[in-house]
Amino acid sequence: MLTVVRCLYRPGGADARLSIRDVHLEYMIANRNSLEQGGALMDEDGTVKGMFLILRGNRAEVDSLMANEPYTRAGLFEATTIECFDRFVPHADPRFLEKLLIAAREWIAMNLRNTCSRV
């Protein structure tokens, strides 16, 4: 299972992170088996405003990883969201999107047919 974690810094949090960035990076390295992707969230002007992670593991594992994450422990985040993620692209099946398209068209045809027959 993949989980998306989006963390936004509190005012001053982005600057405060710099003094413990080495500890954060050590933590990420130690937990790299759980990391699918990650990086900084930025405004259009390049200002860092948060952190984005895609993590492998169940919800309890993700919650534990985030509770022990150095930036979290330092109180740098104003808001954090954690959501399950069903990745479509890239997908192990190279024809996944085409199959999804066929299923979507079949669903639409069935539902439109049923809707039209009720009118």
N, C-alpha and C. Protein backbone atom coordinates (compact mmCIF):
# COMPACT_ATOMS: atom_id res chain seq x y z
N MET A 1 0.84 -1.17 0.00
CA MET A 1 0.00 0.00 0.00
C MET A 1 0.89 1.24 0.00
N LEU A 2 0.48 2.23 -0.75
CA LEU A 2 1.18 3.51 -0.78
C LEU A 2 0.36 4.55 -0.05
N THR A 3 1.06 5.47 0.59
CA THR A 3 0.42 6.54 1.34
C THR A 3 1.10 7.85 1.00
N VAL A 4 0.28 8.87 0.76
CA VAL A 4 0.78 10.21 0.48
C VAL A 4 0.75 11.01 1.78
N VAL A 5 1.88 11.64 2.08
CA VAL A 5 1.97 12.50 3.26
C VAL A 5 2.36 13.89 2.77
N ARG A 6 1.54 14.86 3.14
CA ARG A 6 1.79 16.26 2.75
C ARG A 6 1.88 17.08 4.03
N CYS A 7 3.03 17.70 4.23
CA CYS A 7 3.28 18.49 5.44
C CYS A 7 3.57 19.93 5.04
N LEU A 8 2.89 20.86 5.68
CA LEU A 8 3.14 22.28 5.43
C LEU A 8 3.77 22.89 6.67
N TYR A 9 4.84 23.66 6.46
CA TYR A 9 5.54 24.27 7.58
C TYR A 9 4.71 25.36 8.24
N ARG A 10 4.86 25.48 9.54
CA ARG A 10 4.30 26.60 10.28
C ARG A 10 5.12 27.84 9.92
N PRO A 11 4.64 29.03 10.22
CA PRO A 11 5.46 30.23 9.96
C PRO A 11 6.82 30.08 10.64
N GLY A 12 7.86 30.27 9.88
CA GLY A 12 9.23 30.13 10.39
C GLY A 12 9.76 28.71 10.38
N GLY A 13 8.89 27.75 10.11
CA GLY A 13 9.29 26.33 10.13
C GLY A 13 10.29 25.96 9.05
N ALA A 14 10.12 26.52 7.87
CA ALA A 14 11.04 26.20 6.77
C ALA A 14 12.46 26.64 7.12
N ASP A 15 12.59 27.80 7.73
CA ASP A 15 13.93 28.26 8.13
C ASP A 15 14.45 27.45 9.31
N ALA A 16 13.58 27.14 10.26
CA ALA A 16 14.00 26.38 11.44
C ALA A 16 14.48 24.98 11.08
N ARG A 17 13.98 24.42 9.98
CA ARG A 17 14.37 23.06 9.60
C ARG A 17 15.86 22.96 9.27
N LEU A 18 16.45 24.05 8.84
CA LEU A 18 17.84 24.01 8.38
C LEU A 18 18.80 23.57 9.48
N SER A 19 18.51 23.91 10.72
CA SER A 19 19.43 23.55 11.81
C SER A 19 19.38 22.07 12.16
N ILE A 20 18.32 21.36 11.72
CA ILE A 20 18.25 19.91 11.98
C ILE A 20 18.10 19.10 10.69
N ARG A 21 18.41 19.73 9.59
CA ARG A 21 18.25 19.05 8.30
C ARG A 21 19.11 17.79 8.23
N ASP A 22 20.29 17.81 8.83
CA ASP A 22 21.15 16.63 8.80
C ASP A 22 20.48 15.46 9.52
N VAL A 23 19.81 15.73 10.64
CA VAL A 23 19.12 14.68 11.40
C VAL A 23 17.94 14.14 10.58
N HIS A 24 17.23 15.04 9.92
CA HIS A 24 16.11 14.64 9.04
C HIS A 24 16.63 13.73 7.93
N LEU A 25 17.73 14.12 7.29
CA LEU A 25 18.27 13.32 6.20
C LEU A 25 18.77 11.96 6.68
N GLU A 26 19.39 11.92 7.85
CA GLU A 26 19.80 10.64 8.43
C GLU A 26 18.59 9.74 8.65
N TYR A 27 17.49 10.33 9.13
CA TYR A 27 16.27 9.58 9.38
C TYR A 27 15.69 9.04 8.07
N MET A 28 15.70 9.86 7.04
CA MET A 28 15.19 9.42 5.73
C MET A 28 16.06 8.29 5.18
N ILE A 29 17.36 8.40 5.33
CA ILE A 29 18.27 7.34 4.88
C ILE A 29 18.00 6.05 5.64
N ALA A 30 17.83 6.15 6.95
CA ALA A 30 17.57 4.96 7.78
C ALA A 30 16.23 4.31 7.42
N ASN A 31 15.30 5.10 6.89
CA ASN A 31 13.97 4.59 6.55
C ASN A 31 13.73 4.52 5.05
N ARG A 32 14.79 4.48 4.28
CA ARG A 32 14.64 4.52 2.82
C ARG A 32 13.82 3.37 2.26
N ASN A 33 13.74 2.25 2.96
CA ASN A 33 12.93 1.13 2.47
C ASN A 33 11.44 1.47 2.48
N SER A 34 11.05 2.46 3.25
CA SER A 34 9.64 2.90 3.28
C SER A 34 9.36 4.04 2.30
N LEU A 35 10.41 4.63 1.74
CA LEU A 35 10.25 5.80 0.88
C LEU A 35 10.09 5.40 -0.58
N GLU A 36 8.98 5.78 -1.16
CA GLU A 36 8.76 5.59 -2.59
C GLU A 36 9.23 6.84 -3.34
N GLN A 37 8.83 8.00 -2.82
CA GLN A 37 9.23 9.29 -3.38
C GLN A 37 9.16 10.34 -2.28
N GLY A 38 9.83 11.43 -2.48
CA GLY A 38 9.75 12.51 -1.51
C GLY A 38 10.47 13.74 -2.01
N GLY A 39 10.11 14.85 -1.40
CA GLY A 39 10.77 16.09 -1.77
C GLY A 39 10.10 17.29 -1.13
N ALA A 40 10.58 18.45 -1.52
CA ALA A 40 10.07 19.71 -0.96
C ALA A 40 8.87 20.19 -1.76
N LEU A 41 7.90 20.75 -1.05
CA LEU A 41 6.82 21.49 -1.68
C LEU A 41 7.25 22.95 -1.73
N MET A 42 7.05 23.58 -2.90
CA MET A 42 7.55 24.93 -3.07
C MET A 42 6.50 25.84 -3.70
N ASP A 43 6.57 27.11 -3.35
CA ASP A 43 5.77 28.13 -4.03
C ASP A 43 6.39 28.37 -5.40
N GLU A 44 5.66 29.07 -6.25
CA GLU A 44 6.17 29.36 -7.60
C GLU A 44 7.48 30.12 -7.59
N ASP A 45 7.72 30.91 -6.54
CA ASP A 45 8.96 31.68 -6.47
C ASP A 45 10.13 30.87 -5.92
N GLY A 46 9.90 29.59 -5.62
CA GLY A 46 10.97 28.72 -5.12
C GLY A 46 11.06 28.65 -3.61
N THR A 47 10.18 29.35 -2.90
CA THR A 47 10.18 29.31 -1.44
C THR A 47 9.67 27.95 -0.97
N VAL A 48 10.44 27.29 -0.11
CA VAL A 48 10.03 25.99 0.43
C VAL A 48 8.88 26.20 1.40
N LYS A 49 7.79 25.45 1.19
CA LYS A 49 6.62 25.59 2.06
C LYS A 49 6.23 24.30 2.76
N GLY A 50 6.87 23.19 2.38
CA GLY A 50 6.51 21.94 3.02
C GLY A 50 7.27 20.76 2.48
N MET A 51 6.77 19.58 2.82
CA MET A 51 7.41 18.32 2.46
C MET A 51 6.33 17.39 1.92
N PHE A 52 6.67 16.61 0.91
CA PHE A 52 5.76 15.66 0.29
C PHE A 52 6.44 14.30 0.24
N LEU A 53 5.75 13.28 0.72
CA LEU A 53 6.30 11.94 0.70
C LEU A 53 5.27 10.96 0.15
N ILE A 54 5.73 9.97 -0.56
CA ILE A 54 4.92 8.80 -0.87
C ILE A 54 5.63 7.65 -0.17
N LEU A 55 4.92 7.01 0.76
CA LEU A 55 5.52 5.98 1.62
C LEU A 55 4.88 4.63 1.37
N ARG A 56 5.68 3.58 1.53
CA ARG A 56 5.20 2.20 1.50
C ARG A 56 4.90 1.77 2.92
N GLY A 57 3.85 1.00 3.09
CA GLY A 57 3.53 0.47 4.41
C GLY A 57 2.08 0.73 4.79
N ASN A 58 1.65 0.06 5.85
CA ASN A 58 0.27 0.26 6.30
C ASN A 58 0.18 1.55 7.12
N ARG A 59 -1.02 1.91 7.49
CA ARG A 59 -1.24 3.19 8.16
C ARG A 59 -0.49 3.28 9.49
N ALA A 60 -0.46 2.19 10.25
CA ALA A 60 0.24 2.21 11.53
C ALA A 60 1.74 2.46 11.33
N GLU A 61 2.31 1.85 10.28
CA GLU A 61 3.74 2.05 9.99
C GLU A 61 4.01 3.50 9.56
N VAL A 62 3.14 4.04 8.74
CA VAL A 62 3.30 5.42 8.29
C VAL A 62 3.15 6.38 9.47
N ASP A 63 2.14 6.16 10.31
CA ASP A 63 1.95 7.01 11.49
C ASP A 63 3.18 6.99 12.39
N SER A 64 3.74 5.81 12.59
CA SER A 64 4.94 5.67 13.42
C SER A 64 6.13 6.39 12.80
N LEU A 65 6.32 6.18 11.50
CA LEU A 65 7.44 6.83 10.81
C LEU A 65 7.32 8.35 10.91
N MET A 66 6.11 8.88 10.72
CA MET A 66 5.92 10.32 10.76
C MET A 66 6.01 10.87 12.19
N ALA A 67 5.56 10.11 13.17
CA ALA A 67 5.63 10.57 14.57
C ALA A 67 7.08 10.72 15.02
N ASN A 68 7.96 9.90 14.46
CA ASN A 68 9.37 9.92 14.84
C ASN A 68 10.23 10.77 13.91
N GLU A 69 9.63 11.30 12.86
CA GLU A 69 10.36 12.12 11.88
C GLU A 69 10.85 13.39 12.57
N PRO A 70 12.12 13.75 12.42
CA PRO A 70 12.69 14.89 13.15
C PRO A 70 11.96 16.22 12.97
N TYR A 71 11.49 16.54 11.77
CA TYR A 71 10.78 17.80 11.58
C TYR A 71 9.45 17.78 12.33
N THR A 72 8.79 16.62 12.34
CA THR A 72 7.54 16.48 13.10
C THR A 72 7.82 16.65 14.58
N ARG A 73 8.83 15.95 15.08
CA ARG A 73 9.17 16.02 16.50
C ARG A 73 9.55 17.43 16.94
N ALA A 74 10.13 18.20 16.01
CA ALA A 74 10.52 19.58 16.33
C ALA A 74 9.35 20.56 16.21
N GLY A 75 8.19 20.06 15.80
CA GLY A 75 7.02 20.93 15.71
C GLY A 75 7.06 21.91 14.55
N LEU A 76 7.71 21.52 13.46
CA LEU A 76 7.88 22.44 12.33
C LEU A 76 6.66 22.53 11.41
N PHE A 77 5.75 21.56 11.53
CA PHE A 77 4.61 21.53 10.60
C PHE A 77 3.36 22.15 11.20
N GLU A 78 2.72 22.97 10.39
CA GLU A 78 1.44 23.57 10.76
C GLU A 78 0.29 22.61 10.44
N ALA A 79 0.45 21.87 9.36
CA ALA A 79 -0.59 20.93 8.93
C ALA A 79 0.05 19.72 8.26
N THR A 80 -0.52 18.57 8.52
CA THR A 80 -0.08 17.32 7.89
C THR A 80 -1.31 16.54 7.47
N THR A 81 -1.31 16.07 6.22
CA THR A 81 -2.37 15.19 5.75
C THR A 81 -1.75 13.87 5.34
N ILE A 82 -2.47 12.79 5.62
CA ILE A 82 -2.02 11.44 5.28
C ILE A 82 -3.19 10.74 4.59
N GLU A 83 -2.95 10.28 3.36
CA GLU A 83 -4.01 9.65 2.57
C GLU A 83 -3.48 8.44 1.82
N CYS A 84 -4.33 7.43 1.67
CA CYS A 84 -3.97 6.26 0.87
C CYS A 84 -3.88 6.69 -0.60
N PHE A 85 -3.02 6.00 -1.33
CA PHE A 85 -2.75 6.37 -2.71
C PHE A 85 -2.74 5.11 -3.57
N ASP A 86 -3.56 5.11 -4.61
CA ASP A 86 -3.60 4.00 -5.57
C ASP A 86 -2.96 4.50 -6.85
N ARG A 87 -1.70 4.15 -7.04
CA ARG A 87 -0.94 4.69 -8.18
C ARG A 87 -1.40 4.06 -9.48
N PHE A 88 -1.73 4.91 -10.44
CA PHE A 88 -2.09 4.48 -11.78
C PHE A 88 -0.91 4.62 -12.74
N VAL A 89 -0.06 5.62 -12.53
CA VAL A 89 1.06 5.90 -13.43
C VAL A 89 2.30 6.18 -12.60
N PRO A 90 3.42 5.57 -12.83
CA PRO A 90 3.55 4.38 -13.68
C PRO A 90 2.89 3.18 -13.01
N HIS A 91 2.51 2.20 -13.79
CA HIS A 91 1.83 1.00 -13.29
C HIS A 91 2.58 -0.22 -13.80
N ALA A 92 2.52 -1.30 -13.04
CA ALA A 92 3.21 -2.54 -13.43
C ALA A 92 2.65 -3.08 -14.75
N ASP A 93 1.36 -2.85 -14.98
CA ASP A 93 0.72 -3.28 -16.22
C ASP A 93 0.79 -2.11 -17.21
N PRO A 94 1.57 -2.24 -18.28
CA PRO A 94 1.72 -1.11 -19.21
C PRO A 94 0.41 -0.72 -19.91
N ARG A 95 -0.60 -1.60 -19.89
CA ARG A 95 -1.88 -1.31 -20.53
C ARG A 95 -2.96 -0.93 -19.50
N PHE A 96 -2.53 -0.62 -18.29
CA PHE A 96 -3.48 -0.33 -17.21
C PHE A 96 -4.43 0.81 -17.56
N LEU A 97 -3.91 1.91 -18.07
CA LEU A 97 -4.78 3.06 -18.38
C LEU A 97 -5.78 2.72 -19.49
N GLU A 98 -5.35 1.95 -20.48
CA GLU A 98 -6.26 1.54 -21.54
C GLU A 98 -7.38 0.67 -20.97
N LYS A 99 -7.04 -0.25 -20.07
CA LYS A 99 -8.05 -1.10 -19.43
C LYS A 99 -8.99 -0.26 -18.57
N LEU A 100 -8.44 0.72 -17.89
CA LEU A 100 -9.25 1.62 -17.07
C LEU A 100 -10.22 2.41 -17.95
N LEU A 101 -9.76 2.84 -19.12
CA LEU A 101 -10.60 3.56 -20.06
C LEU A 101 -11.77 2.70 -20.53
N ILE A 102 -11.48 1.46 -20.87
CA ILE A 102 -12.54 0.54 -21.32
C ILE A 102 -13.57 0.35 -20.21
N ALA A 103 -13.09 0.14 -18.98
CA ALA A 103 -14.01 -0.05 -17.85
C ALA A 103 -14.85 1.21 -17.61
N ALA A 104 -14.24 2.38 -17.75
CA ALA A 104 -14.97 3.64 -17.56
C ALA A 104 -16.05 3.79 -18.61
N ARG A 105 -15.73 3.48 -19.85
CA ARG A 105 -16.73 3.60 -20.93
C ARG A 105 -17.86 2.60 -20.73
N GLU A 106 -17.53 1.39 -20.29
CA GLU A 106 -18.57 0.39 -20.02
C GLU A 106 -19.48 0.86 -18.90
N TRP A 107 -18.90 1.43 -17.84
CA TRP A 107 -19.70 1.93 -16.72
C TRP A 107 -20.62 3.06 -17.17
N ILE A 108 -20.07 3.98 -17.97
CA ILE A 108 -20.86 5.10 -18.47
C ILE A 108 -22.01 4.60 -19.34
N ALA A 109 -21.72 3.67 -20.23
CA ALA A 109 -22.76 3.13 -21.11
C ALA A 109 -23.86 2.45 -20.31
N MET A 110 -23.50 1.67 -19.30
CA MET A 110 -24.50 0.98 -18.47
C MET A 110 -25.33 1.99 -17.70
N ASN A 111 -24.69 2.98 -17.12
CA ASN A 111 -25.42 3.95 -16.30
C ASN A 111 -26.27 4.89 -17.15
N LEU A 112 -25.79 5.27 -18.32
CA LEU A 112 -26.59 6.12 -19.19
C LEU A 112 -27.79 5.34 -19.72
N ARG A 113 -27.57 4.07 -20.05
CA ARG A 113 -28.66 3.23 -20.53
C ARG A 113 -29.72 3.11 -19.43
N ASN A 114 -29.29 2.86 -18.19
CA ASN A 114 -30.22 2.72 -17.08
C ASN A 114 -30.92 4.03 -16.79
N THR A 115 -30.22 5.14 -16.89
CA THR A 115 -30.81 6.45 -16.63
C THR A 115 -31.84 6.77 -17.70
N CYS A 116 -31.50 6.50 -18.98
CA CYS A 116 -32.40 6.81 -20.08
C CYS A 116 -33.65 5.93 -20.02
N SER A 117 -33.52 4.70 -19.59
CA SER A 117 -34.67 3.81 -19.55
C SER A 117 -35.64 4.19 -18.44
N ARG A 118 -35.19 4.93 -17.44
CA ARG A 118 -36.05 5.37 -16.34
C ARG A 118 -36.84 6.62 -16.69
N VAL A 119 -36.43 7.33 -17.72
CA VAL A 119 -37.05 8.61 -18.07
C VAL A 119 -38.34 8.40 -18.81
